N, C-alpha and C. Protein backbone atom coordinates (compact mmCIF):
# COMPACT_ATOMS: atom_id res chain seq x y z
N MET A 1 0.83 -1.18 0.00
CA MET A 1 0.00 0.00 0.00
C MET A 1 0.89 1.25 0.00
N SER A 2 0.56 2.19 -0.84
CA SER A 2 1.30 3.44 -0.96
C SER A 2 0.98 4.35 0.23
N ILE A 3 1.96 5.17 0.62
CA ILE A 3 1.71 6.12 1.70
C ILE A 3 0.64 7.14 1.30
N PHE A 4 0.43 7.33 0.00
CA PHE A 4 -0.54 8.31 -0.45
C PHE A 4 -1.98 7.81 -0.35
N HIS A 5 -2.16 6.56 0.07
CA HIS A 5 -3.50 6.05 0.35
C HIS A 5 -3.91 6.42 1.77
N ASP A 6 -2.98 6.88 2.55
CA ASP A 6 -3.21 7.21 3.95
C ASP A 6 -3.61 8.69 4.07
N GLU A 7 -4.70 8.94 4.74
CA GLU A 7 -5.20 10.30 4.94
C GLU A 7 -4.16 11.20 5.61
N ARG A 8 -3.34 10.63 6.49
CA ARG A 8 -2.37 11.43 7.25
C ARG A 8 -1.38 12.15 6.35
N ILE A 9 -0.92 11.51 5.28
CA ILE A 9 0.04 12.18 4.40
C ILE A 9 -0.59 13.40 3.74
N TRP A 10 -1.86 13.27 3.36
CA TRP A 10 -2.55 14.41 2.74
C TRP A 10 -2.78 15.52 3.75
N ARG A 11 -3.04 15.17 5.01
CA ARG A 11 -3.21 16.17 6.06
C ARG A 11 -1.90 16.92 6.28
N ILE A 12 -0.79 16.20 6.32
CA ILE A 12 0.52 16.83 6.50
C ILE A 12 0.82 17.75 5.33
N LEU A 13 0.61 17.26 4.11
CA LEU A 13 0.86 18.10 2.93
C LEU A 13 -0.04 19.33 2.92
N THR A 14 -1.29 19.15 3.31
CA THR A 14 -2.22 20.28 3.36
C THR A 14 -1.77 21.30 4.38
N ASN A 15 -1.35 20.85 5.55
CA ASN A 15 -0.87 21.78 6.57
C ASN A 15 0.37 22.53 6.09
N VAL A 16 1.30 21.81 5.47
CA VAL A 16 2.52 22.46 4.96
C VAL A 16 2.16 23.49 3.90
N TRP A 17 1.33 23.11 2.93
CA TRP A 17 0.98 24.03 1.86
C TRP A 17 0.12 25.20 2.35
N THR A 18 -0.66 24.98 3.40
CA THR A 18 -1.42 26.10 3.98
C THR A 18 -0.46 27.13 4.56
N ILE A 19 0.53 26.67 5.28
CA ILE A 19 1.54 27.58 5.85
C ILE A 19 2.29 28.29 4.73
N VAL A 20 2.67 27.54 3.70
CA VAL A 20 3.43 28.11 2.58
C VAL A 20 2.61 29.19 1.86
N ILE A 21 1.36 28.86 1.52
CA ILE A 21 0.58 29.81 0.72
C ILE A 21 0.20 31.04 1.53
N LEU A 22 -0.17 30.85 2.79
CA LEU A 22 -0.51 32.02 3.61
C LEU A 22 0.73 32.87 3.86
N GLY A 23 1.86 32.23 4.11
CA GLY A 23 3.11 32.96 4.26
C GLY A 23 3.46 33.72 3.00
N PHE A 24 3.26 33.08 1.86
CA PHE A 24 3.52 33.74 0.58
C PHE A 24 2.63 34.96 0.41
N PHE A 25 1.32 34.80 0.68
CA PHE A 25 0.39 35.93 0.52
C PHE A 25 0.77 37.10 1.43
N ILE A 26 1.17 36.79 2.64
CA ILE A 26 1.59 37.84 3.57
C ILE A 26 2.87 38.51 3.06
N ALA A 27 3.85 37.71 2.66
CA ALA A 27 5.11 38.25 2.16
C ALA A 27 4.89 39.08 0.90
N ASP A 28 4.05 38.60 0.00
CA ASP A 28 3.78 39.32 -1.24
C ASP A 28 3.10 40.66 -0.94
N PHE A 29 2.24 40.68 0.07
CA PHE A 29 1.61 41.92 0.49
C PHE A 29 2.66 42.91 0.99
N ILE A 30 3.56 42.41 1.82
CA ILE A 30 4.59 43.27 2.41
C ILE A 30 5.51 43.87 1.35
N VAL A 31 5.84 43.06 0.32
CA VAL A 31 6.73 43.57 -0.74
C VAL A 31 5.94 44.16 -1.91
N LYS A 32 4.70 44.51 -1.64
CA LYS A 32 3.83 45.23 -2.59
C LYS A 32 3.66 44.51 -3.93
N GLY A 33 3.39 43.20 -3.86
CA GLY A 33 3.06 42.44 -5.06
C GLY A 33 4.24 42.08 -5.94
N LEU A 34 5.42 42.16 -5.41
CA LEU A 34 6.63 41.88 -6.19
C LEU A 34 6.63 40.46 -6.77
N TYR A 35 6.03 39.52 -6.04
CA TYR A 35 6.03 38.11 -6.48
C TYR A 35 4.65 37.63 -6.90
N GLU A 36 3.79 38.57 -7.26
CA GLU A 36 2.41 38.24 -7.63
C GLU A 36 2.33 37.21 -8.75
N SER A 37 3.31 37.17 -9.62
CA SER A 37 3.29 36.22 -10.75
C SER A 37 3.35 34.77 -10.27
N LEU A 38 3.81 34.54 -9.04
CA LEU A 38 3.88 33.19 -8.50
C LEU A 38 2.55 32.73 -7.88
N SER A 39 1.65 33.67 -7.64
CA SER A 39 0.38 33.35 -6.97
C SER A 39 -0.41 32.23 -7.65
N PRO A 40 -0.59 32.26 -8.97
CA PRO A 40 -1.38 31.18 -9.59
C PRO A 40 -0.78 29.79 -9.35
N SER A 41 0.53 29.68 -9.41
CA SER A 41 1.17 28.38 -9.18
C SER A 41 0.92 27.89 -7.76
N PHE A 42 1.12 28.77 -6.78
CA PHE A 42 0.86 28.39 -5.40
C PHE A 42 -0.61 28.00 -5.21
N SER A 43 -1.50 28.76 -5.81
CA SER A 43 -2.94 28.49 -5.66
C SER A 43 -3.35 27.16 -6.26
N ILE A 44 -2.81 26.84 -7.41
CA ILE A 44 -3.14 25.56 -8.07
C ILE A 44 -2.65 24.40 -7.22
N ILE A 45 -1.42 24.49 -6.75
CA ILE A 45 -0.88 23.42 -5.91
C ILE A 45 -1.72 23.28 -4.64
N TYR A 46 -2.01 24.40 -3.99
CA TYR A 46 -2.78 24.36 -2.74
C TYR A 46 -4.18 23.78 -2.96
N THR A 47 -4.84 24.21 -4.00
CA THR A 47 -6.17 23.70 -4.30
C THR A 47 -6.14 22.20 -4.54
N GLY A 48 -5.16 21.74 -5.29
CA GLY A 48 -5.04 20.30 -5.56
C GLY A 48 -4.77 19.49 -4.31
N VAL A 49 -3.84 19.94 -3.49
CA VAL A 49 -3.50 19.19 -2.27
C VAL A 49 -4.68 19.20 -1.31
N LEU A 50 -5.35 20.34 -1.14
CA LEU A 50 -6.50 20.42 -0.24
C LEU A 50 -7.63 19.52 -0.74
N ALA A 51 -7.88 19.53 -2.04
CA ALA A 51 -8.94 18.69 -2.61
C ALA A 51 -8.63 17.21 -2.41
N LEU A 52 -7.38 16.82 -2.60
CA LEU A 52 -7.00 15.43 -2.39
C LEU A 52 -7.16 15.02 -0.93
N TYR A 53 -6.76 15.90 -0.02
CA TYR A 53 -6.91 15.60 1.40
C TYR A 53 -8.39 15.45 1.77
N VAL A 54 -9.20 16.41 1.38
CA VAL A 54 -10.61 16.38 1.73
C VAL A 54 -11.31 15.20 1.07
N GLY A 55 -10.97 14.93 -0.18
CA GLY A 55 -11.56 13.77 -0.86
C GLY A 55 -11.22 12.46 -0.18
N THR A 56 -9.97 12.31 0.19
CA THR A 56 -9.53 11.10 0.90
C THR A 56 -10.23 10.98 2.24
N LYS A 57 -10.31 12.10 2.96
CA LYS A 57 -10.94 12.10 4.28
C LYS A 57 -12.43 11.74 4.18
N GLU A 58 -13.12 12.32 3.21
CA GLU A 58 -14.55 12.04 3.05
C GLU A 58 -14.79 10.60 2.58
N PHE A 59 -13.95 10.13 1.69
CA PHE A 59 -14.07 8.73 1.25
C PHE A 59 -13.90 7.80 2.44
N ASP A 60 -12.89 8.06 3.26
CA ASP A 60 -12.67 7.24 4.45
C ASP A 60 -13.85 7.33 5.42
N ARG A 61 -14.40 8.53 5.59
CA ARG A 61 -15.54 8.70 6.49
C ARG A 61 -16.72 7.84 6.02
N TRP A 62 -17.02 7.90 4.75
CA TRP A 62 -18.19 7.18 4.22
C TRP A 62 -17.96 5.67 4.17
N ASN A 63 -16.72 5.27 4.24
CA ASN A 63 -16.41 3.83 4.27
C ASN A 63 -16.00 3.39 5.67
N ASP A 64 -16.29 4.23 6.65
CA ASP A 64 -16.04 3.96 8.07
C ASP A 64 -14.58 3.65 8.39
N PHE A 65 -13.66 4.30 7.66
CA PHE A 65 -12.24 4.18 7.96
C PHE A 65 -11.73 5.40 8.72
N HIS A 66 -12.46 6.49 8.61
CA HIS A 66 -12.01 7.76 9.20
C HIS A 66 -12.32 7.78 10.69
N ARG A 67 -11.29 7.91 11.50
CA ARG A 67 -11.47 7.92 12.95
C ARG A 67 -10.96 9.21 13.59
N GLY A 68 -10.07 9.89 12.90
CA GLY A 68 -9.46 11.07 13.48
C GLY A 68 -10.40 12.26 13.53
N ARG A 69 -9.99 13.25 14.30
CA ARG A 69 -10.77 14.48 14.38
C ARG A 69 -9.81 15.63 14.16
N HIS A 70 -9.90 16.20 12.99
CA HIS A 70 -9.05 17.34 12.63
C HIS A 70 -9.97 18.41 12.07
N PRO A 71 -10.50 19.24 12.93
CA PRO A 71 -11.54 20.18 12.52
C PRO A 71 -11.08 21.20 11.50
N GLY A 72 -11.89 21.34 10.46
CA GLY A 72 -11.62 22.33 9.43
C GLY A 72 -11.85 23.74 9.91
N GLU A 73 -12.49 23.88 11.08
CA GLU A 73 -12.73 25.21 11.62
C GLU A 73 -11.43 25.97 11.81
N ILE A 74 -10.37 25.25 12.12
CA ILE A 74 -9.06 25.89 12.32
C ILE A 74 -8.62 26.58 11.03
N PHE A 75 -8.79 25.89 9.89
CA PHE A 75 -8.43 26.49 8.60
C PHE A 75 -9.26 27.75 8.36
N ILE A 76 -10.54 27.67 8.64
CA ILE A 76 -11.43 28.81 8.41
C ILE A 76 -11.02 30.00 9.28
N ILE A 77 -10.75 29.74 10.54
CA ILE A 77 -10.35 30.82 11.46
C ILE A 77 -9.04 31.46 11.01
N VAL A 78 -8.05 30.65 10.65
CA VAL A 78 -6.75 31.18 10.23
C VAL A 78 -6.89 31.97 8.93
N TRP A 79 -7.55 31.40 7.93
CA TRP A 79 -7.74 32.09 6.66
C TRP A 79 -8.49 33.41 6.87
N THR A 80 -9.57 33.37 7.65
CA THR A 80 -10.38 34.57 7.87
C THR A 80 -9.57 35.64 8.59
N ALA A 81 -8.85 35.26 9.62
CA ALA A 81 -8.05 36.23 10.37
C ALA A 81 -7.02 36.90 9.46
N ILE A 82 -6.34 36.12 8.65
CA ILE A 82 -5.32 36.69 7.77
C ILE A 82 -5.97 37.58 6.71
N MET A 83 -7.10 37.15 6.16
CA MET A 83 -7.80 37.99 5.18
C MET A 83 -8.19 39.33 5.79
N VAL A 84 -8.79 39.30 6.97
CA VAL A 84 -9.23 40.54 7.63
C VAL A 84 -8.03 41.44 7.94
N ILE A 85 -6.98 40.86 8.47
CA ILE A 85 -5.78 41.65 8.79
C ILE A 85 -5.21 42.31 7.54
N LEU A 86 -5.12 41.55 6.45
CA LEU A 86 -4.57 42.13 5.21
C LEU A 86 -5.49 43.18 4.61
N PHE A 87 -6.81 42.98 4.68
CA PHE A 87 -7.73 44.01 4.19
C PHE A 87 -7.60 45.29 5.01
N ILE A 88 -7.51 45.15 6.32
CA ILE A 88 -7.34 46.32 7.19
C ILE A 88 -6.00 47.00 6.89
N ALA A 89 -4.95 46.22 6.75
CA ALA A 89 -3.63 46.78 6.45
C ALA A 89 -3.64 47.48 5.10
N GLN A 90 -4.32 46.90 4.12
CA GLN A 90 -4.42 47.53 2.80
C GLN A 90 -5.12 48.89 2.92
N PHE A 91 -6.16 48.94 3.71
CA PHE A 91 -6.89 50.19 3.91
C PHE A 91 -6.01 51.23 4.63
N ILE A 92 -5.31 50.78 5.65
CA ILE A 92 -4.49 51.70 6.46
C ILE A 92 -3.27 52.21 5.68
N PHE A 93 -2.54 51.28 5.04
CA PHE A 93 -1.30 51.66 4.36
C PHE A 93 -1.51 52.25 2.98
N GLY A 94 -2.64 51.94 2.37
CA GLY A 94 -3.01 52.57 1.10
C GLY A 94 -2.20 52.12 -0.10
N THR A 95 -1.92 53.07 -0.94
CA THR A 95 -1.32 52.85 -2.25
C THR A 95 -0.11 51.92 -2.20
N GLY A 96 -0.14 50.99 -3.14
CA GLY A 96 0.98 50.07 -3.28
C GLY A 96 0.77 48.74 -2.57
N TYR A 97 0.07 48.77 -1.47
CA TYR A 97 -0.19 47.53 -0.74
C TYR A 97 -1.51 46.95 -1.22
N LYS A 98 -1.44 45.71 -1.66
CA LYS A 98 -2.67 45.07 -2.14
C LYS A 98 -2.61 43.57 -1.88
N ILE A 99 -3.76 43.03 -1.67
CA ILE A 99 -3.89 41.58 -1.48
C ILE A 99 -3.73 40.92 -2.84
N SER A 100 -3.03 39.81 -2.85
CA SER A 100 -2.84 39.05 -4.09
C SER A 100 -4.19 38.71 -4.70
N PRO A 101 -4.32 38.84 -6.02
CA PRO A 101 -5.60 38.53 -6.65
C PRO A 101 -6.01 37.06 -6.50
N GLU A 102 -5.07 36.20 -6.18
CA GLU A 102 -5.39 34.78 -6.00
C GLU A 102 -5.91 34.47 -4.60
N MET A 103 -5.69 35.37 -3.66
CA MET A 103 -6.04 35.06 -2.27
C MET A 103 -7.55 34.97 -2.05
N VAL A 104 -8.30 35.88 -2.63
CA VAL A 104 -9.75 35.87 -2.42
C VAL A 104 -10.39 34.60 -3.00
N PRO A 105 -10.08 34.20 -4.24
CA PRO A 105 -10.64 32.94 -4.73
C PRO A 105 -10.19 31.72 -3.90
N ASP A 106 -8.95 31.74 -3.42
CA ASP A 106 -8.49 30.64 -2.56
C ASP A 106 -9.29 30.59 -1.27
N TYR A 107 -9.55 31.76 -0.70
CA TYR A 107 -10.34 31.83 0.53
C TYR A 107 -11.76 31.30 0.29
N ILE A 108 -12.36 31.70 -0.81
CA ILE A 108 -13.70 31.21 -1.15
C ILE A 108 -13.68 29.70 -1.37
N MET A 109 -12.63 29.19 -1.99
CA MET A 109 -12.49 27.75 -2.20
C MET A 109 -12.40 27.02 -0.87
N VAL A 110 -11.61 27.55 0.06
CA VAL A 110 -11.48 26.93 1.39
C VAL A 110 -12.84 26.93 2.09
N LEU A 111 -13.55 28.05 2.05
CA LEU A 111 -14.88 28.12 2.66
C LEU A 111 -15.84 27.12 2.01
N SER A 112 -15.79 27.01 0.70
CA SER A 112 -16.69 26.10 -0.02
C SER A 112 -16.42 24.65 0.33
N ILE A 113 -15.15 24.28 0.35
CA ILE A 113 -14.80 22.90 0.70
C ILE A 113 -15.22 22.60 2.13
N PHE A 114 -15.03 23.57 3.03
CA PHE A 114 -15.45 23.37 4.41
C PHE A 114 -16.96 23.17 4.49
N ALA A 115 -17.72 23.99 3.78
CA ALA A 115 -19.19 23.87 3.81
C ALA A 115 -19.64 22.50 3.28
N VAL A 116 -19.05 22.05 2.20
CA VAL A 116 -19.41 20.75 1.63
C VAL A 116 -19.06 19.61 2.59
N THR A 117 -17.90 19.68 3.20
CA THR A 117 -17.52 18.61 4.13
C THR A 117 -18.38 18.62 5.38
N GLN A 118 -18.80 19.79 5.82
CA GLN A 118 -19.69 19.85 6.98
C GLN A 118 -21.03 19.19 6.65
N LYS A 119 -21.54 19.45 5.47
CA LYS A 119 -22.80 18.83 5.03
C LYS A 119 -22.62 17.32 4.91
N SER A 120 -21.51 16.89 4.35
CA SER A 120 -21.23 15.46 4.21
C SER A 120 -21.14 14.79 5.57
N LYS A 121 -20.50 15.47 6.51
CA LYS A 121 -20.37 14.92 7.86
C LYS A 121 -21.74 14.75 8.50
N ARG A 122 -22.61 15.77 8.37
CA ARG A 122 -23.97 15.68 8.93
C ARG A 122 -24.76 14.55 8.30
N LEU A 123 -24.67 14.43 6.98
CA LEU A 123 -25.38 13.35 6.29
C LEU A 123 -24.87 11.98 6.73
N HIS A 124 -23.57 11.87 6.91
CA HIS A 124 -22.99 10.61 7.35
C HIS A 124 -23.47 10.25 8.75
N HIS A 125 -23.50 11.23 9.65
CA HIS A 125 -23.99 10.99 11.01
C HIS A 125 -25.47 10.58 11.00
N GLN A 126 -26.26 11.23 10.15
CA GLN A 126 -27.68 10.84 10.05
C GLN A 126 -27.82 9.42 9.53
N LYS A 127 -27.02 9.07 8.55
CA LYS A 127 -27.06 7.71 7.99
C LYS A 127 -26.70 6.69 9.06
N ARG A 128 -25.65 6.97 9.81
CA ARG A 128 -25.23 6.04 10.87
C ARG A 128 -26.25 5.95 12.00
N ALA A 129 -26.93 7.05 12.30
CA ALA A 129 -27.93 7.05 13.37
C ALA A 129 -29.15 6.19 13.01
N LYS A 130 -29.43 6.09 11.71
CA LYS A 130 -30.57 5.29 11.26
C LYS A 130 -30.31 3.80 11.34
N LYS A 131 -29.05 3.42 11.40
CA LYS A 131 -28.69 1.99 11.42
C LYS A 131 -28.95 1.38 12.76
């Protein structure tokens, strides 16, 4: 069995890429968009890794293999806090400072994936309760 069949590897990769992409967005903001051209690449990688992790986790949940508890609320809180801080900083510092154009769609993607997984979790619990 490959290590990539294990949900844990996808969780680790997702955590690493979350730190990388958020760090990148913060750094790019500080240097006034100097590395903005790298944003699409980071976003594509992050979206792919997050989708693979969530897909693996949901598949395991529905096949009763998922036992861990790693709440997505943490991702939502971190993403939201950084978004709010950067929007406020952009307003305060003004000209030249801007949020990467990839950050807002990434944030919406994270929120969307969280909403779908929450619904899936509720449906799974209802299904199990009926048994």
